[in-house]
Protein backbone atom coordinates (compact mmCIF):
# COMPACT_ATOMS: atom_id res chain seq x y z
CA MET A 1 -0.14 -27.51 9.36
CA GLU A 2 1.08 -24.29 10.99
CA ASP A 3 3.56 -23.64 8.16
CA ARG A 4 0.79 -23.23 5.59
CA PHE A 5 -1.05 -19.99 4.96
CA LEU A 6 -4.44 -21.59 4.33
CA ALA A 7 -4.00 -23.67 7.48
CA LEU A 8 -3.68 -20.43 9.47
CA ILE A 9 -6.90 -19.09 7.94
CA GLU A 10 -8.74 -22.38 8.39
CA LYS A 11 -7.75 -22.53 12.05
CA SER A 12 -8.80 -18.91 12.67
CA VAL A 13 -12.22 -19.42 11.04
CA LYS A 14 -12.91 -22.43 13.27
CA ARG A 15 -11.63 -20.72 16.42
CA ASN A 16 -13.59 -17.50 15.87
CA TRP A 17 -16.78 -19.10 14.49
CA ASP A 18 -19.21 -16.82 16.32
CA ASN A 19 -17.15 -13.62 16.18
CA PRO A 20 -17.53 -10.78 13.64
CA VAL A 21 -15.01 -10.78 10.79
CA PHE A 22 -16.07 -8.20 8.16
CA SER A 23 -18.24 -5.10 8.23
CA ASP A 24 -18.92 -2.57 5.52
CA TYR A 25 -18.69 0.78 7.30
CA GLU A 26 -22.18 1.68 8.57
CA GLY A 27 -23.44 -1.47 6.80
CA ASP A 28 -23.89 -5.20 7.41
CA THR A 29 -21.60 -7.29 9.62
CA LEU A 30 -20.61 -10.87 8.83
CA LEU A 31 -19.38 -13.42 11.34
CA TYR A 32 -16.56 -15.88 10.70
CA ARG A 33 -19.19 -18.62 10.25
CA ASP A 34 -20.94 -16.44 7.63
CA MET A 35 -17.66 -16.07 5.77
CA ALA A 36 -17.14 -19.85 5.87
CA ARG A 37 -20.66 -20.41 4.52
CA GLU A 38 -20.20 -17.89 1.67
CA ILE A 39 -16.84 -19.44 0.76
CA VAL A 40 -18.53 -22.83 0.34
CA LYS A 41 -21.24 -21.29 -1.86
CA LEU A 42 -18.60 -19.72 -4.06
CA HIS A 43 -16.82 -23.06 -4.29
CA ILE A 44 -20.06 -24.64 -5.54
CA LEU A 45 -20.34 -21.97 -8.25
CA PHE A 46 -16.65 -22.28 -9.17
CA SER A 47 -17.09 -26.02 -9.60
CA GLU A 48 -20.22 -25.64 -11.73
CA ALA A 49 -18.34 -23.06 -13.83
CA GLY A 50 -15.64 -25.64 -14.56
CA ILE A 51 -12.90 -23.94 -12.55
CA GLU A 52 -10.03 -26.28 -11.68
CA LYS A 53 -7.20 -25.89 -9.19
CA GLY A 54 -4.60 -23.51 -10.58
CA ASP A 55 -7.05 -21.63 -12.82
CA ARG A 56 -6.97 -17.84 -12.56
CA ILE A 57 -9.90 -15.92 -11.11
CA ALA A 58 -9.79 -12.12 -11.36
CA LEU A 59 -11.65 -9.80 -9.00
CA VAL A 60 -12.11 -6.05 -9.14
CA GLY A 61 -14.03 -3.64 -6.93
CA ARG A 62 -13.73 -1.30 -3.99
CA ASN A 63 -12.97 -2.60 -0.52
CA SER A 64 -15.93 -4.55 0.86
CA ALA A 65 -16.81 -7.56 2.96
CA ARG A 66 -17.79 -9.45 -0.20
CA TRP A 67 -14.46 -8.63 -1.82
CA GLY A 68 -12.66 -10.11 1.18
CA ILE A 69 -14.78 -13.27 1.13
CA SER A 70 -14.25 -13.66 -2.62
CA PHE A 71 -10.48 -13.41 -2.23
CA PHE A 72 -10.31 -16.06 0.51
CA ALA A 73 -12.72 -18.28 -1.45
CA ILE A 74 -10.44 -18.25 -4.49
CA LEU A 75 -7.37 -19.34 -2.51
CA ALA A 76 -9.30 -21.84 -0.37
CA TYR A 77 -10.53 -23.47 -3.60
CA GLY A 78 -6.99 -23.85 -4.93
CA ALA A 79 -7.39 -21.31 -7.73
CA VAL A 80 -5.06 -18.36 -8.33
CA ALA A 81 -6.36 -14.92 -7.35
CA VAL A 82 -5.81 -11.94 -9.65
CA PRO A 83 -6.81 -8.88 -7.59
CA ILE A 84 -7.20 -5.73 -9.71
CA LEU A 85 -7.16 -2.20 -8.31
CA HIS A 86 -10.64 -0.72 -8.53
CA ASP A 87 -9.44 2.58 -9.98
CA PHE A 88 -7.67 1.00 -12.93
CA SER A 89 -9.20 2.08 -16.23
CA PRO A 90 -11.48 -0.36 -18.10
CA GLU A 91 -8.72 -0.86 -20.67
CA ASN A 92 -6.27 -1.80 -17.91
CA VAL A 93 -8.78 -4.22 -16.41
CA HIS A 94 -9.34 -5.86 -19.79
CA ASN A 95 -5.60 -6.15 -20.37
CA ILE A 96 -4.91 -7.67 -16.94
CA VAL A 97 -7.77 -10.16 -17.23
CA ASN A 98 -6.52 -11.22 -20.65
CA HIS A 99 -2.83 -11.32 -19.72
CA SER A 100 -3.51 -13.40 -16.61
CA GLU A 101 -5.66 -15.83 -18.64
CA ALA A 102 -8.44 -15.58 -16.08
CA LYS A 103 -11.36 -17.94 -16.67
CA LEU A 104 -13.72 -16.22 -14.26
CA LEU A 105 -14.18 -12.55 -13.37
CA LEU A 106 -15.75 -11.33 -10.14
CA ALA A 107 -16.56 -7.61 -10.33
CA ALA A 108 -18.43 -5.20 -8.09
CA GLN A 109 -21.71 -3.82 -9.38
CA HIS A 110 -20.34 -0.32 -10.00
CA LYS A 111 -17.61 -1.70 -12.32
CA TRP A 112 -19.86 -3.59 -14.72
CA SER A 113 -21.09 -0.52 -16.60
CA MET A 114 -17.46 0.32 -17.39
CA LEU A 115 -16.37 -3.10 -18.66
CA ASP A 116 -16.90 -4.79 -22.00
CA ILE A 117 -17.06 -8.59 -21.88
CA ASN A 118 -16.31 -8.70 -25.61
CA GLU A 119 -12.83 -7.42 -24.76
CA MET A 120 -12.18 -10.45 -22.50
CA PRO A 121 -12.96 -13.44 -24.75
CA ALA A 122 -11.13 -16.07 -22.65
CA VAL A 123 -13.37 -15.50 -19.62
CA LYS A 124 -16.13 -18.09 -19.41
CA THR A 125 -18.03 -16.82 -16.36
CA TYR A 126 -18.79 -13.31 -15.17
CA MET A 127 -20.10 -12.84 -11.62
CA GLN A 128 -21.02 -9.92 -9.41
CA ILE A 129 -19.16 -9.69 -6.11
CA ASP A 130 -22.05 -8.01 -4.28
CA ASP A 131 -24.52 -10.94 -4.42
CA LEU A 132 -22.64 -13.71 -6.31
CA SER A 133 -25.11 -13.39 -9.19
CA VAL A 134 -24.00 -14.72 -12.57
CA ILE A 135 -23.85 -11.97 -15.19
CA GLU A 136 -22.74 -14.21 -18.05
CA GLY A 137 -21.96 -17.93 -18.04
CA SER A 138 -23.14 -21.40 -18.91
CA GLU A 139 -26.67 -22.58 -18.20
CA GLN A 140 -25.13 -24.97 -15.69
CA VAL A 141 -23.65 -22.23 -13.53
CA LYS A 142 -26.76 -20.05 -13.88
CA THR A 143 -28.91 -22.94 -12.68
CA ALA A 144 -26.50 -23.50 -9.79
CA PHE A 145 -26.85 -19.88 -8.71
CA ALA A 146 -30.65 -20.09 -8.90
CA ASN A 147 -30.58 -23.14 -6.61
CA LEU A 148 -27.54 -22.19 -4.57
CA GLU A 149 -29.12 -22.43 -1.11
CA GLU A 150 -30.55 -25.86 -1.91
CA LEU A 151 -27.21 -27.09 -3.25
CA PHE A 152 -25.49 -25.82 -0.13
CA LEU A 153 -27.91 -27.63 2.20
CA GLN A 154 -27.58 -30.84 0.17
CA LYS A 155 -23.83 -30.76 0.64
CA TYR A 156 -23.84 -29.52 4.25
CA PRO A 157 -27.17 -30.28 6.05
CA SER A 158 -25.70 -29.03 9.34
CA PHE A 159 -22.76 -26.82 8.50
CA SER A 160 -20.20 -26.66 11.33
CA PRO A 161 -16.50 -25.83 11.89
CA ASP A 162 -15.66 -29.47 11.12
CA ASP A 163 -16.75 -28.85 7.52
CA VAL A 164 -14.13 -26.13 6.99
CA LYS A 165 -11.38 -27.76 4.95
CA TYR A 166 -9.34 -25.64 2.59
CA HIS A 167 -6.89 -26.37 -0.20
CA LEU A 168 -3.64 -28.13 0.83
CA GLU A 169 -1.10 -25.85 -0.82
CA GLN A 170 2.64 -26.29 -1.37
CA PRO A 171 5.13 -23.54 -0.34
CA ASP A 172 6.14 -22.61 -3.91
CA GLU A 173 2.65 -22.99 -5.34
CA LEU A 174 1.33 -19.84 -7.02
CA ALA A 175 -1.25 -18.10 -4.82
CA LEU A 176 -1.89 -14.82 -6.60
CA ILE A 177 -0.75 -12.59 -9.44
CA ASN A 178 -0.62 -8.95 -8.38
CA TYR A 179 -0.47 -6.31 -11.10
CA THR A 180 0.92 -2.95 -10.04
CA SER A 181 1.84 0.24 -11.85
CA GLY A 182 4.81 1.61 -9.94
CA THR A 183 6.29 5.08 -10.05
CA THR A 184 8.92 4.11 -12.60
CA GLY A 185 7.06 2.18 -15.28
CA PHE A 186 4.18 0.00 -16.30
CA SER A 187 2.43 -2.91 -14.64
CA LYS A 188 3.94 -6.37 -14.31
CA GLY A 189 2.22 -9.46 -12.99
CA VAL A 190 4.01 -10.29 -9.74
CA MET A 191 3.68 -14.01 -8.98
CA LEU A 192 3.47 -14.52 -5.23
CA PRO A 193 3.66 -18.07 -3.83
CA TYR A 194 1.95 -19.34 -0.69
CA ARG A 195 5.24 -19.26 1.25
CA SER A 196 5.25 -15.47 0.84
CA LEU A 197 1.71 -15.12 2.19
CA TRP A 198 2.49 -17.47 5.07
CA SER A 199 5.79 -15.75 5.94
CA ASN A 200 4.29 -12.24 5.98
CA THR A 201 1.21 -13.36 7.93
CA GLN A 202 3.18 -15.42 10.45
CA PHE A 203 5.60 -12.54 11.02
CA ALA A 204 2.70 -10.20 11.78
CA TYR A 205 1.27 -12.79 14.18
CA ASP A 206 4.57 -13.18 16.03
CA MET A 207 5.81 -9.56 16.00
CA LEU A 208 2.55 -7.69 16.63
CA PRO A 209 1.55 -9.35 19.93
CA PHE A 210 -0.60 -6.39 20.94
CA ILE A 211 -3.28 -7.55 18.46
CA HIS A 212 -5.86 -9.91 19.95
CA GLU A 213 -8.96 -11.78 18.83
CA GLY A 214 -11.89 -9.41 18.56
CA ASP A 215 -9.77 -6.30 18.03
CA HIS A 216 -10.88 -3.83 15.37
CA PHE A 217 -9.16 -2.77 12.13
CA VAL A 218 -10.17 -0.04 9.69
CA SER A 219 -9.35 -1.04 6.12
CA MET A 220 -8.81 2.11 4.07
CA LEU A 221 -5.98 1.04 1.73
CA PRO A 222 -6.98 -0.78 -1.48
CA MET A 223 -7.11 -4.53 -0.85
CA ALA A 224 -5.86 -5.21 -4.36
CA HIS A 225 -2.54 -3.72 -3.22
CA MET A 226 -0.35 -6.02 -1.13
CA TYR A 227 0.34 -3.49 1.67
CA GLY A 228 -3.31 -3.17 2.68
CA LEU A 229 -4.18 -6.77 1.79
CA ALA A 230 -1.39 -8.33 3.86
CA PHE A 231 -1.61 -6.30 7.06
CA GLU A 232 -5.20 -5.13 7.24
CA VAL A 233 -6.91 -8.25 5.87
CA LEU A 234 -4.70 -11.37 5.93
CA ASN A 235 -3.17 -10.37 9.27
CA GLY A 236 -6.54 -9.34 10.69
CA VAL A 237 -8.34 -12.56 9.74
CA ASN A 238 -5.45 -14.69 11.00
CA LYS A 239 -5.64 -12.89 14.35
CA GLY A 240 -9.41 -13.27 14.58
CA CYS A 241 -10.05 -9.54 14.30
CA HIS A 242 -13.07 -7.55 13.13
CA ILE A 243 -12.23 -5.62 9.94
CA HIS A 244 -14.29 -2.57 8.95
CA PHE A 245 -14.11 -1.62 5.27
CA LEU A 246 -14.42 1.91 3.97
CA PRO A 247 -15.92 1.00 0.57
CA ARG A 248 -15.71 4.32 -1.24
CA ILE A 249 -12.60 6.46 -1.60
CA PRO A 250 -12.50 7.78 1.97
CA SER A 251 -12.16 11.49 2.68
CA PRO A 252 -10.02 12.59 5.65
CA ASN A 253 -13.22 13.40 7.55
CA ILE A 254 -14.63 9.90 6.98
CA ILE A 255 -11.32 8.34 8.02
CA ILE A 256 -11.18 10.38 11.25
CA GLN A 257 -14.86 9.70 11.92
CA SER A 258 -14.34 5.95 11.48
CA PHE A 259 -11.30 5.91 13.80
CA LYS A 260 -13.26 7.63 16.57
CA LYS A 261 -16.18 5.23 16.15
CA ILE A 262 -14.27 1.97 15.70
CA HIS A 263 -11.12 2.54 17.81
CA PRO A 264 -8.74 0.34 15.77
CA THR A 265 -5.87 -1.47 17.48
CA LEU A 266 -3.54 -1.18 14.49
CA ILE A 267 -3.54 1.52 11.81
CA ILE A 268 -1.91 0.99 8.41
CA ALA A 269 -1.37 4.26 6.53
CA VAL A 270 0.57 5.94 3.77
CA PRO A 271 2.60 9.09 4.57
CA LEU A 272 0.20 11.44 2.79
CA ILE A 273 -2.52 10.86 5.39
CA ILE A 274 -0.41 11.72 8.43
CA GLU A 275 1.47 14.50 6.61
CA LYS A 276 -1.77 16.26 5.64
CA ILE A 277 -2.99 16.22 9.23
CA VAL A 278 0.28 17.50 10.71
CA ARG A 279 1.05 20.10 8.05
CA SER A 280 -2.51 21.46 7.77
CA LYS A 281 -3.64 21.28 11.40
CA VAL A 282 -0.55 21.38 13.61
CA PHE A 283 2.26 23.32 11.93
CA PRO A 284 0.17 26.45 11.13
CA VAL A 285 -0.74 26.74 14.82
CA LEU A 286 2.90 26.43 15.89
CA GLN A 287 3.89 29.17 13.42
CA LYS A 288 1.68 31.82 15.04
CA PRO A 289 3.76 34.56 16.75
CA LEU A 290 2.38 33.99 20.25
CA MET A 291 2.80 30.22 19.94
CA LYS A 292 6.42 30.66 18.84
CA VAL A 293 7.13 32.64 21.99
CA MET A 294 5.43 30.10 24.23
CA TYR A 295 7.08 27.20 22.39
CA ALA A 296 10.50 28.67 23.22
CA ILE A 297 9.84 28.22 26.97
CA PRO A 298 11.03 24.69 27.94
CA GLY A 299 8.28 23.85 30.44
CA VAL A 300 5.53 25.33 28.32
CA LYS A 301 6.91 23.61 25.23
CA GLN A 302 6.48 20.21 26.89
CA LEU A 303 2.89 21.00 27.82
CA ILE A 304 2.12 22.11 24.25
CA ASN A 305 3.68 18.93 22.83
CA LYS A 306 1.66 16.79 25.23
CA LYS A 307 -1.56 18.54 24.24
CA ILE A 308 -0.78 18.10 20.55
CA LEU A 309 0.02 14.41 21.15
CA ASN A 310 -3.30 13.89 22.92
CA GLN A 311 -5.16 15.60 20.08
CA LEU A 312 -3.37 13.47 17.45
CA ASN A 313 -4.07 10.30 19.41
CA ASP A 314 -7.73 11.32 19.57
CA VAL A 315 -7.82 11.77 15.79
CA PHE A 316 -6.75 8.13 15.37
CA GLY A 317 -9.11 6.70 17.95
CA ASN A 318 -6.80 6.70 21.00
CA ASP A 319 -6.71 2.90 21.39
CA PHE A 320 -4.22 2.12 18.62
CA ALA A 321 -1.02 0.34 19.68
CA GLU A 322 0.90 1.83 16.79
CA LEU A 323 0.50 3.41 13.38
CA ILE A 324 2.57 1.79 10.64
CA ILE A 325 3.55 4.10 7.79
CA GLY A 326 4.63 2.59 4.48
CA GLY A 327 4.29 2.75 0.72
CA ALA A 328 6.35 5.92 0.23
CA PRO A 329 8.93 8.07 2.05
CA ILE A 330 7.66 10.33 4.82
CA ASN A 331 8.63 13.99 5.03
CA ASN A 332 11.63 14.39 7.34
CA GLU A 333 10.25 17.43 9.17
CA VAL A 334 6.96 15.66 9.89
CA GLU A 335 8.74 12.55 11.12
CA THR A 336 11.02 14.59 13.39
CA PHE A 337 7.99 16.30 14.90
CA LEU A 338 6.13 13.01 15.47
CA ARG A 339 9.20 11.59 17.16
CA LYS A 340 9.61 14.66 19.36
CA ILE A 341 6.08 14.53 20.77
CA GLY A 342 6.16 10.75 21.31
CA PHE A 343 3.56 9.72 18.73
CA ARG A 344 3.23 5.93 18.39
CA TYR A 345 4.38 5.52 14.80
CA THR A 346 6.81 3.31 12.95
CA ILE A 347 7.87 3.06 9.31
CA GLY A 348 8.07 -0.19 7.39
CA TYR A 349 9.61 -0.98 4.03
CA GLY A 350 8.45 -3.41 1.41
CA MET A 351 7.41 -4.03 -2.15
CA THR A 352 4.81 -6.07 -3.97
CA GLU A 353 7.53 -8.52 -5.03
CA CYS A 354 8.02 -9.41 -1.34
CA GLY A 355 4.34 -9.73 -0.55
CA PRO A 356 5.21 -7.01 0.70
CA LEU A 357 7.40 -6.91 3.82
CA VAL A 358 11.18 -6.37 3.87
CA SER A 359 11.76 -4.47 7.13
CA TYR A 360 9.89 -3.31 10.23
CA SER A 361 10.48 -2.37 13.89
CA PHE A 362 8.01 -1.82 16.73
CA TRP A 363 7.54 1.89 17.41
CA GLU A 364 9.36 1.79 20.76
CA THR A 365 12.53 0.35 19.16
CA PHE A 366 12.18 2.10 15.80
CA LYS A 367 15.11 4.34 14.84
CA GLN A 368 14.14 7.69 13.32
CA GLY A 369 15.05 8.06 9.66
CA SER A 370 15.18 4.31 9.10
CA VAL A 371 12.58 1.87 7.78
CA GLY A 372 13.17 -0.69 10.51
CA ARG A 373 15.17 -3.91 10.53
CA ILE A 374 15.07 -6.86 8.15
CA VAL A 375 12.17 -9.19 8.99
CA ASP A 376 12.20 -12.91 9.73
CA ASN A 377 12.84 -15.29 6.81
CA MET A 378 14.57 -12.55 4.80
CA GLU A 379 18.14 -11.43 4.08
CA VAL A 380 19.34 -8.05 2.87
CA MET A 381 22.58 -6.92 1.22
CA ILE A 382 23.80 -3.50 0.10
CA ASP A 383 25.38 -3.69 -3.34
CA ALA A 384 27.71 -0.70 -2.99
CA PRO A 385 31.00 0.14 -4.74
CA ASP A 386 34.13 -0.47 -2.68
CA GLY A 387 34.54 2.10 0.07
CA GLU A 388 30.96 3.42 -0.17
CA GLU A 389 28.08 2.83 2.25
CA VAL A 390 25.20 3.56 -0.12
CA GLY A 391 24.22 1.05 -2.77
CA GLU A 392 21.27 -0.85 -4.16
CA ILE A 393 19.31 -2.88 -1.62
CA LEU A 394 19.22 -6.57 -2.57
CA VAL A 395 16.94 -9.06 -0.81
CA ARG A 396 16.27 -12.76 -0.81
CA GLY A 397 14.22 -15.13 1.30
CA MET A 398 10.82 -16.67 1.82
CA ASN A 399 8.83 -13.49 1.07
CA VAL A 400 10.26 -13.05 -2.43
CA MET A 401 8.15 -13.62 -5.55
CA LEU A 402 8.49 -16.43 -8.07
CA GLY A 403 8.92 -13.91 -10.88
CA TYR A 404 6.85 -11.85 -13.31
CA TYR A 405 4.04 -13.70 -15.06
CA LYS A 406 4.83 -14.53 -18.70
CA ASN A 407 7.80 -12.15 -18.61
CA PRO A 408 11.01 -14.20 -18.35
CA GLU A 409 13.16 -11.26 -19.47
CA ALA A 410 11.97 -9.02 -16.63
CA THR A 411 12.27 -11.92 -14.18
CA ALA A 412 15.87 -12.57 -15.23
CA GLU A 413 16.70 -8.88 -14.82
CA ALA A 414 15.17 -8.86 -11.33
CA PHE A 415 17.49 -11.52 -9.89
CA THR A 416 21.24 -12.00 -9.60
CA SER A 417 22.82 -15.32 -10.48
CA ASP A 418 22.93 -16.31 -6.80
CA GLY A 419 19.28 -15.52 -6.05
CA TRP A 420 19.33 -11.95 -4.73
CA MET A 421 16.48 -9.76 -5.95
CA HIS A 422 17.08 -6.18 -7.06
CA THR A 423 14.77 -3.77 -5.23
CA GLY A 424 15.74 -0.72 -7.29
CA ASP A 425 16.08 1.20 -4.03
CA LEU A 426 19.29 2.77 -2.79
CA GLY A 427 20.14 2.59 0.87
CA SER A 428 22.50 1.70 3.68
CA ILE A 429 22.48 -0.39 6.88
CA ASP A 430 23.86 0.76 10.21
CA SER A 431 25.66 -1.36 12.82
CA GLU A 432 22.34 -2.22 14.52
CA GLY A 433 20.79 -3.56 11.33
CA ASN A 434 18.53 -0.58 10.61
CA ILE A 435 17.88 0.07 6.92
CA PHE A 436 17.98 3.63 5.58
CA ILE A 437 16.50 4.46 2.17
CA ARG A 438 18.30 7.08 0.09
CA GLY A 439 16.15 6.93 -3.04
CA ARG A 440 15.47 4.79 -6.06
CA SER A 441 18.29 3.79 -8.38
CA LYS A 442 16.08 4.67 -11.36
CA THR A 443 15.38 8.16 -10.00
CA MET A 444 18.94 8.89 -8.90
CA LEU A 445 20.40 11.73 -10.95
CA LEU A 446 24.03 12.33 -11.89
CA GLY A 447 25.64 15.70 -11.25
CA ALA A 448 27.94 17.42 -13.72
CA ASN A 449 31.01 15.70 -12.24
CA GLY A 450 29.35 12.33 -11.76
CA GLN A 451 28.08 12.91 -8.22
CA ASN A 452 25.01 10.97 -7.12
CA ILE A 453 22.00 13.20 -6.52
CA TYR A 454 19.01 11.82 -4.62
CA PRO A 455 15.97 13.89 -5.66
CA GLU A 456 13.78 12.54 -2.84
CA GLU A 457 16.08 14.14 -0.26
CA ILE A 458 15.84 17.55 -1.96
CA GLU A 459 12.07 17.21 -2.32
CA SER A 460 11.75 16.38 1.38
CA LEU A 461 13.34 19.74 2.24
CA LEU A 462 11.38 21.71 -0.35
CA ASN A 463 8.07 20.20 0.79
CA THR A 464 8.48 21.75 4.24
CA MET A 465 8.46 25.30 2.87
CA PRO A 466 5.37 27.56 2.91
CA TYR A 467 2.84 27.09 0.09
CA VAL A 468 4.57 23.91 -1.19
CA VAL A 469 2.16 20.97 -1.25
CA GLU A 470 4.45 18.58 -3.11
CA SER A 471 7.40 18.75 -5.48
CA LEU A 472 9.42 16.78 -7.99
CA ILE A 473 13.06 17.32 -8.91
CA VAL A 474 13.90 16.53 -12.54
CA SER A 475 16.94 16.90 -14.77
CA ARG A 476 16.67 18.99 -17.93
CA VAL A 477 19.01 20.20 -20.66
CA ASP A 478 19.39 23.98 -20.63
CA LYS A 479 18.72 25.22 -24.19
CA ASP A 480 21.20 28.07 -23.87
CA THR A 481 24.17 26.21 -22.36
CA ASN A 482 23.29 22.66 -23.50
CA LYS A 483 24.14 21.50 -19.98
CA ASN A 484 22.06 19.48 -17.55
CA ILE A 485 20.29 21.51 -14.89
CA LEU A 486 17.99 20.56 -12.02
CA VAL A 487 14.45 21.89 -12.16
CA ALA A 488 11.92 21.84 -9.32
CA LEU A 489 8.34 21.13 -10.36
CA VAL A 490 6.11 22.41 -7.54
CA TYR A 491 2.42 21.95 -6.95
CA PRO A 492 1.62 24.88 -4.65
CA ALA A 493 -1.23 25.53 -2.23
CA TRP A 494 -3.15 27.58 -4.77
CA GLU A 495 -6.22 28.19 -2.63
CA GLN A 496 -4.21 29.18 0.44
CA SER A 497 -2.05 31.59 -1.57
CA ARG A 498 -5.13 33.25 -3.07
CA ASN A 499 -6.69 33.57 0.37
CA ASP A 500 -3.49 35.25 1.52
CA GLY A 501 -3.77 37.77 -1.32
CA LEU A 502 -0.93 36.43 -3.48
CA ALA A 503 -1.15 36.75 -7.23
CA ARG A 504 0.52 34.10 -9.38
CA GLU A 505 3.56 36.35 -9.88
CA ASP A 506 3.85 36.80 -6.11
CA LEU A 507 3.69 33.06 -5.55
CA GLN A 508 6.40 32.54 -8.18
CA ASP A 509 8.59 35.06 -6.31
CA VAL A 510 8.00 33.13 -3.09
CA MET A 511 9.06 29.89 -4.77
CA ASN A 512 12.16 31.52 -6.25
CA GLN A 513 13.16 32.62 -2.76
CA HIS A 514 12.52 29.09 -1.50
CA ILE A 515 15.00 27.79 -4.08
CA ILE A 516 17.61 30.30 -2.93
CA ASN A 517 17.12 29.15 0.67
CA LEU A 518 17.11 25.51 -0.39
CA ASN A 519 20.33 25.82 -2.39
CA ALA A 520 22.04 27.20 0.71
CA ARG A 521 21.28 23.94 2.53
CA ILE A 522 22.28 21.33 -0.05
CA PRO A 523 25.59 20.39 -1.79
CA TYR A 524 26.64 22.60 -4.68
CA TYR A 525 26.21 19.82 -7.23
CA SER A 526 22.53 19.42 -6.17
CA LYS A 527 21.59 23.06 -6.60
CA ILE A 528 18.26 23.84 -8.27
CA THR A 529 18.40 26.18 -11.25
CA GLU A 530 14.73 26.75 -11.91
CA VAL A 531 11.30 26.26 -10.33
CA ARG A 532 8.07 25.74 -12.25
CA LEU A 533 4.56 25.83 -10.80
CA GLN A 534 2.20 22.95 -11.57
CA GLU A 535 -1.47 23.75 -12.16
CA LYS A 536 -2.65 20.32 -10.96
CA ASP A 537 -1.34 17.91 -8.37
CA PHE A 538 0.95 15.15 -9.61
CA GLU A 539 -0.60 11.93 -10.88
CA LYS A 540 -0.11 9.15 -8.34
CA THR A 541 -0.15 5.40 -7.93
CA PRO A 542 -2.75 3.73 -5.67
CA LYS A 543 -0.29 3.93 -2.77
CA LEU A 544 -0.05 7.70 -3.43
CA SER A 545 3.50 7.79 -4.79
CA ILE A 546 4.06 10.25 -7.63
CA ARG A 547 4.25 8.56 -11.04
CA ARG A 548 7.68 10.02 -11.71
CA PHE A 549 8.08 8.54 -15.17
CA LEU A 550 5.24 10.73 -16.45
CA TYR A 551 7.24 13.88 -15.69
CA GLN A 552 10.77 12.91 -16.65
CA ASP A 553 10.47 14.08 -20.24
CA SER A 554 7.79 16.73 -19.99
CA ASP A 555 8.40 19.82 -22.08
CA LEU A 556 9.47 22.84 -20.06
């Protein structure tokens, strides 16, 4: 029983029957017994709608308690969940629903005005996540909804933990299809089996012992993305925790406010959140002339670092055991600073195709610059040319997907003949088993003499310079010489530069000087020839990685 994902959830629901499980921030709170009751009601509606085990059920909406209950209800029924990111366009939602062959769609109220049921002809039943109401469907399912409470009481006159019995899944049985649009291309339907959900959830249970029943989580990452779903929701429910959802796109102020109010035990974040706080609140203070003088005094420097650490800890609620950063590379300067002051952070590595975890280390054993060590039930190999340390990271093990839904060509390309999966990431492993990411194989650029150029490393340096918010290094063909050159696309701090009295021409001069300074720090074959200012910030994926493929062929 313990080696099944749904068995873990079933056991936790029974054990934590009277404890809170989900709260919408500053809204209603549901107990584990409430979740169990709502799951049964959904199962009644699924049955009346003609849903059978293995059928696909899609759900789309912002993070909410009802979203979480709907997701668990789908799996507990034996259907296949198709979670869709709430900020996908209506066209994307229609395409995913159709491609997945979903027979039922659960959508939040705010999404219905954007969707067209005529564009999803295979769907038989349309329901609203917020109240389980039937938007479109057979008379049978509409009647069931109208009499739902009565049907529930007929089936369970005295509902108790003994009535909680969920689907008996097999390890390789399909649990969910997760559609993502990564930084290098278009969405694919990643087929994740139950063994992947169990392996990720069990690892979190075993390796995060500081989490206890009744602890609090703040869920701010989209639940339709595996990073937030696995470690904020699946992990939290399995541990018997109380999860607080930030339903709307949270601003930094709302996030900080919620941390101070809720005091989460574990914080799951993307680099952009912590980088914004450090680079906007901390670094400017340290750059002031008087602070530079004081910071040069060893004893005073330690006191300043301790004060900054206390202030950062306060921002995140003080009670967190650690903050796990994932989803994208973190700026090297920011990481070095966090390490220096003793901030409780660690960096994990994963991908949707692994549901998502590949590597992790607890913050006290985490090695700076790495992304942790390979996790339980997984293997890693570096596919590097003879004599070289850097190569593509290959993985295999229990976390790995079944393949891409209805895409045998992409599935075949993803795996080697002996079962290793291509990650598309370049990296190395040290003697202690720590994994270091160098970049993505699809973003790696070739220098004039065939040298490998890792744009992420150059961007990490450039992003530390004044007025640079974010940057992208791309390769272009110089029209005069017909040779490849490297160009830096920079989204600058426009408002800050204007406040400092800089005209656009002045800001361009500043960036040109940055490139001169940058070129002095990097190999000759990586030198930047030109810098261009971007009027708007770069378009990003839900996990806030830049959609690089949109800028590879832009006209300069």
